[in-house]
Amino acid sequence: MTSPESPAVSGITEHDIAQYLANNPAFFERQAELLASIQLASPHGSRAVSLQERQMQMLRDRIRGLEQKIVEMIRHGQENVTITDRLHRWTRALLLTAEPAALPAVLLEALQHEFLIPQAALRLWGLGAAHEQAPFTQGVSEEVRSFASSLVTPYCGLNGGFEAARWLQQPATVMSLAMIPLHDEGRATIGLLVLGSPDPTRYSAEMGTEFLVRIGEVASAALSRLRSD
């Protein structure tokens, strides 16, 4: 009898066995008693289970994982619909504002209402004499303009004492900020939209900014009426 240490046996690897079984699916039909006798450790306890039972457990675990993914996909889909509805209502409020000078106030009020933003402020520059005394053009230093122009994407993070945070209603309570640059059609920076929250995690450096970019684009387009007013 060939010993387990002989070359004919020791040269066989687990991969060889797996390949053989994959290429010979009728093996367990011919060896039905072997299939029934194989015992494997259960992943849910210390008891041994048959190969068929283990396969069923693996299949149930896989189905459970797929069900969880489906639930997550449905949840994300519902969240996306909610965000889309809120964005739609905000954009509609801007379109229905007939008086250009009222746009900044409507923009902020509707934005805070729809997206549950605790504090928000807006400043614009380069609008001309017609709006030079408007509240939304006051208190903008050259440093703030330079900072806004340097933003390639919206800033999200902790409130580190930014000058723009002082535009908010209660700046001392603001722990995190989102600052969104506004641009004209030529991509020149014409303003800054500031969102503040007492929650230090509301606007974090790790969060995606794609949605905030869209907010900035819609706001910039709406406020362009002030430049031609």
Protein backbone atom coordinates (compact mmCIF):
# COMPACT_ATOMS: atom_id res chain seq x y z
CA MET A 1 0.00 0.00 0.00
CA THR A 2 1.30 3.45 -0.86
CA SER A 3 2.26 5.42 2.25
CA PRO A 4 1.06 9.01 2.75
CA GLU A 5 4.68 10.15 2.39
CA SER A 6 5.18 8.59 -1.03
CA PRO A 7 5.80 10.95 -4.02
CA ALA A 8 2.56 9.86 -5.66
CA VAL A 9 0.56 11.30 -2.73
CA SER A 10 2.77 14.00 -1.27
CA GLY A 11 2.89 15.78 -4.65
CA ILE A 12 -0.89 16.34 -4.63
CA THR A 13 -1.96 19.75 -3.38
CA GLU A 14 -5.30 21.10 -2.18
CA HIS A 15 -5.47 22.98 -5.46
CA ASP A 16 -5.14 19.72 -7.37
CA ILE A 17 -7.98 18.18 -5.35
CA ALA A 18 -10.18 21.26 -5.85
CA GLN A 19 -9.49 21.21 -9.59
CA TYR A 20 -10.32 17.53 -9.80
CA LEU A 21 -13.63 17.97 -7.98
CA ALA A 22 -14.50 21.00 -10.12
CA ASN A 23 -13.76 19.05 -13.30
CA ASN A 24 -15.55 15.92 -12.10
CA PRO A 25 -18.93 16.98 -10.65
CA ALA A 26 -20.17 13.39 -10.82
CA PHE A 27 -17.58 12.34 -8.21
CA PHE A 28 -19.98 12.78 -5.28
CA GLU A 29 -22.74 11.01 -7.19
CA ARG A 30 -20.46 8.00 -7.43
CA GLN A 31 -19.35 8.47 -3.82
CA ALA A 32 -22.69 9.36 -2.22
CA GLU A 33 -21.79 7.70 1.07
CA LEU A 34 -18.65 9.86 1.31
CA LEU A 35 -20.69 13.03 0.83
CA ALA A 36 -22.99 12.00 3.68
CA SER A 37 -20.15 11.08 6.01
CA ILE A 38 -18.05 14.24 5.70
CA GLN A 39 -18.31 16.36 8.84
CA LEU A 40 -17.24 20.00 9.00
CA ALA A 41 -16.99 22.47 11.85
CA SER A 42 -20.03 24.73 12.08
CA PRO A 43 -19.27 28.49 11.88
CA HIS A 44 -22.06 29.03 14.44
CA GLY A 45 -20.78 26.73 17.16
CA SER A 46 -18.43 23.91 18.06
CA ARG A 47 -20.60 21.07 16.74
CA ALA A 48 -19.84 19.25 13.51
CA VAL A 49 -22.24 19.40 10.58
CA SER A 50 -22.52 17.54 7.30
CA LEU A 51 -21.17 18.97 4.10
CA GLN A 52 -24.71 19.54 2.80
CA GLU A 53 -25.70 21.41 5.98
CA ARG A 54 -22.57 23.54 5.80
CA GLN A 55 -23.38 24.41 2.19
CA MET A 56 -26.89 25.40 3.23
CA GLN A 57 -25.47 27.61 5.99
CA MET A 58 -23.15 29.29 3.52
CA LEU A 59 -26.04 29.82 1.10
CA ARG A 60 -28.23 31.31 3.85
CA ASP A 61 -25.39 33.64 4.91
CA ARG A 62 -24.93 34.75 1.30
CA ILE A 63 -28.66 35.39 0.89
CA ARG A 64 -28.69 37.35 4.16
CA GLY A 65 -25.79 39.48 2.91
CA LEU A 66 -27.59 40.17 -0.37
CA GLU A 67 -30.76 41.13 1.50
CA GLN A 68 -28.78 43.63 3.60
CA LYS A 69 -27.29 45.15 0.44
CA ILE A 70 -30.76 45.48 -1.10
CA VAL A 71 -32.05 47.20 2.04
CA GLU A 72 -29.08 49.61 1.91
CA MET A 73 -29.74 50.34 -1.77
CA ILE A 74 -33.41 51.07 -1.05
CA ARG A 75 -32.47 53.35 1.86
CA HIS A 76 -29.94 55.27 -0.25
CA GLY A 77 -32.50 55.58 -3.03
CA GLN A 78 -35.08 57.02 -0.62
CA GLU A 79 -32.51 59.47 0.76
CA ASN A 80 -31.62 60.59 -2.75
CA VAL A 81 -35.28 61.20 -3.57
CA THR A 82 -35.66 63.28 -0.40
CA ILE A 83 -32.59 65.38 -1.23
CA THR A 84 -33.79 65.86 -4.81
CA ASP A 85 -37.20 67.04 -3.58
CA ARG A 86 -35.59 69.53 -1.20
CA LEU A 87 -33.28 70.84 -3.90
CA HIS A 88 -36.26 71.18 -6.25
CA ARG A 89 -38.26 73.21 -3.72
CA TRP A 90 -35.27 75.47 -2.98
CA THR A 91 -34.61 76.11 -6.68
CA ARG A 92 -38.32 76.78 -7.26
CA ALA A 93 -38.32 79.39 -4.49
CA LEU A 94 -35.45 81.19 -6.21
CA LEU A 95 -37.17 81.11 -9.60
CA LEU A 96 -40.38 82.53 -8.12
CA THR A 97 -38.56 85.50 -6.55
CA ALA A 98 -39.41 88.41 -8.83
CA GLU A 99 -37.34 91.11 -7.10
CA PRO A 100 -33.57 90.52 -7.58
CA ALA A 101 -32.67 92.38 -4.37
CA ALA A 102 -34.77 89.88 -2.39
CA LEU A 103 -32.88 86.87 -3.74
CA PRO A 104 -30.17 86.67 -1.03
CA ALA A 105 -32.73 86.58 1.79
CA VAL A 106 -34.95 84.05 -0.02
CA LEU A 107 -31.93 81.91 -0.89
CA LEU A 108 -30.77 81.71 2.73
CA GLU A 109 -34.21 81.25 4.28
CA ALA A 110 -35.26 78.48 1.89
CA LEU A 111 -31.87 76.77 2.11
CA GLN A 112 -31.96 76.67 5.90
CA HIS A 113 -35.56 75.46 5.92
CA GLU A 114 -35.18 72.71 3.34
CA PHE A 115 -31.85 71.31 4.54
CA LEU A 116 -32.21 72.00 8.27
CA ILE A 117 -29.16 74.25 8.41
CA PRO A 118 -28.87 76.01 11.81
CA GLN A 119 -27.09 79.12 10.52
CA ALA A 120 -26.31 80.52 7.08
CA ALA A 121 -24.93 83.75 5.66
CA LEU A 122 -24.06 85.16 2.27
CA ARG A 123 -21.84 87.94 0.99
CA LEU A 124 -21.43 89.21 -2.57
CA TRP A 125 -19.04 91.72 -4.12
CA GLY A 126 -18.58 93.54 -7.39
CA LEU A 127 -22.30 94.19 -7.83
CA GLY A 128 -22.14 97.92 -8.55
CA ALA A 129 -23.61 101.04 -6.98
CA ALA A 130 -27.21 99.80 -6.95
CA HIS A 131 -26.39 97.32 -4.16
CA GLU A 132 -23.34 98.79 -2.47
CA GLN A 133 -25.33 99.54 0.72
CA ALA A 134 -27.18 96.21 0.81
CA PRO A 135 -26.59 94.02 3.90
CA PHE A 136 -25.32 91.17 1.75
CA THR A 137 -22.39 93.28 0.49
CA GLN A 138 -21.15 94.55 3.87
CA GLY A 139 -18.21 93.41 5.98
CA VAL A 140 -16.19 91.72 3.25
CA SER A 141 -12.44 92.22 3.59
CA GLU A 142 -9.82 91.65 0.92
CA GLU A 143 -8.63 88.65 2.94
CA VAL A 144 -12.05 87.02 2.66
CA ARG A 145 -12.22 87.71 -1.06
CA SER A 146 -8.77 86.23 -1.53
CA PHE A 147 -9.70 83.19 0.55
CA ALA A 148 -12.90 82.64 -1.45
CA SER A 149 -11.00 82.92 -4.72
CA SER A 150 -8.50 80.32 -3.53
CA LEU A 151 -11.18 77.67 -2.91
CA VAL A 152 -11.12 75.07 -5.67
CA THR A 153 -13.87 73.15 -3.87
CA PRO A 154 -16.08 74.12 -0.92
CA TYR A 155 -14.35 74.17 2.45
CA CYS A 156 -15.73 71.77 5.05
CA GLY A 157 -14.28 71.49 8.54
CA LEU A 158 -14.01 72.93 12.01
CA ASN A 159 -14.54 76.60 12.66
CA GLY A 160 -11.02 77.84 13.17
CA GLY A 161 -12.03 81.43 13.76
CA PHE A 162 -12.64 82.25 10.11
CA GLU A 163 -13.59 85.84 9.43
CA ALA A 164 -16.53 84.71 7.30
CA ALA A 165 -17.96 82.87 10.33
CA ARG A 166 -18.66 86.27 11.90
CA TRP A 167 -21.38 86.82 9.28
CA LEU A 168 -23.47 84.13 10.95
CA GLN A 169 -26.19 84.95 13.47
CA GLN A 170 -24.44 83.33 16.45
CA PRO A 171 -20.83 82.70 15.42
CA ALA A 172 -19.74 81.71 18.93
CA THR A 173 -21.95 78.62 18.78
CA VAL A 174 -20.67 77.40 15.42
CA MET A 175 -18.34 74.39 15.62
CA SER A 176 -18.20 73.32 11.95
CA LEU A 177 -18.48 75.24 8.71
CA ALA A 178 -19.11 74.78 5.01
CA MET A 179 -17.94 77.69 2.86
CA ILE A 180 -19.01 77.63 -0.77
CA PRO A 181 -17.48 80.03 -3.31
CA LEU A 182 -19.83 81.64 -5.82
CA HIS A 183 -18.78 82.42 -9.39
CA ASP A 184 -19.98 84.35 -12.40
CA GLU A 185 -20.14 82.83 -15.88
CA GLY A 186 -16.46 83.57 -16.41
CA ARG A 187 -15.59 81.67 -13.20
CA ALA A 188 -14.55 84.84 -11.38
CA THR A 189 -15.38 84.62 -7.66
CA ILE A 190 -18.26 86.97 -6.77
CA GLY A 191 -19.27 85.81 -3.32
CA LEU A 192 -19.19 83.29 -0.50
CA LEU A 193 -21.99 81.21 1.01
CA VAL A 194 -21.36 80.14 4.61
CA LEU A 195 -23.21 77.33 6.42
CA GLY A 196 -22.66 76.82 10.14
CA SER A 197 -23.59 74.17 12.70
CA PRO A 198 -23.01 73.63 16.44
CA ASP A 199 -22.31 69.99 15.59
CA PRO A 200 -18.55 69.57 14.98
CA THR A 201 -19.22 66.60 12.68
CA ARG A 202 -21.93 68.23 10.50
CA TYR A 203 -19.32 69.60 8.07
CA SER A 204 -16.15 67.51 8.20
CA ALA A 205 -13.03 67.53 6.06
CA GLU A 206 -13.77 63.92 5.04
CA MET A 207 -17.24 64.56 3.62
CA GLY A 208 -17.87 64.73 -0.10
CA THR A 209 -18.46 68.18 -1.56
CA GLU A 210 -20.28 67.28 -4.80
CA PHE A 211 -23.68 68.32 -3.44
CA LEU A 212 -22.29 71.58 -2.02
CA VAL A 213 -20.79 72.33 -5.44
CA ARG A 214 -24.27 71.96 -6.96
CA ILE A 215 -25.69 74.28 -4.29
CA GLY A 216 -23.03 76.83 -5.21
CA GLU A 217 -23.79 76.54 -8.92
CA VAL A 218 -27.54 77.08 -8.45
CA ALA A 219 -26.94 79.97 -6.04
CA SER A 220 -24.46 81.60 -8.42
CA ALA A 221 -26.87 81.33 -11.34
CA ALA A 222 -29.75 82.78 -9.33
CA LEU A 223 -27.71 85.65 -7.90
CA SER A 224 -26.37 86.60 -11.35
CA ARG A 225 -29.56 88.65 -11.71
CA LEU A 226 -28.14 91.08 -9.16
CA ARG A 227 -25.18 91.83 -11.42
CA SER A 228 -27.46 92.88 -14.27
CA ASP A 229 -30.03 94.58 -12.09
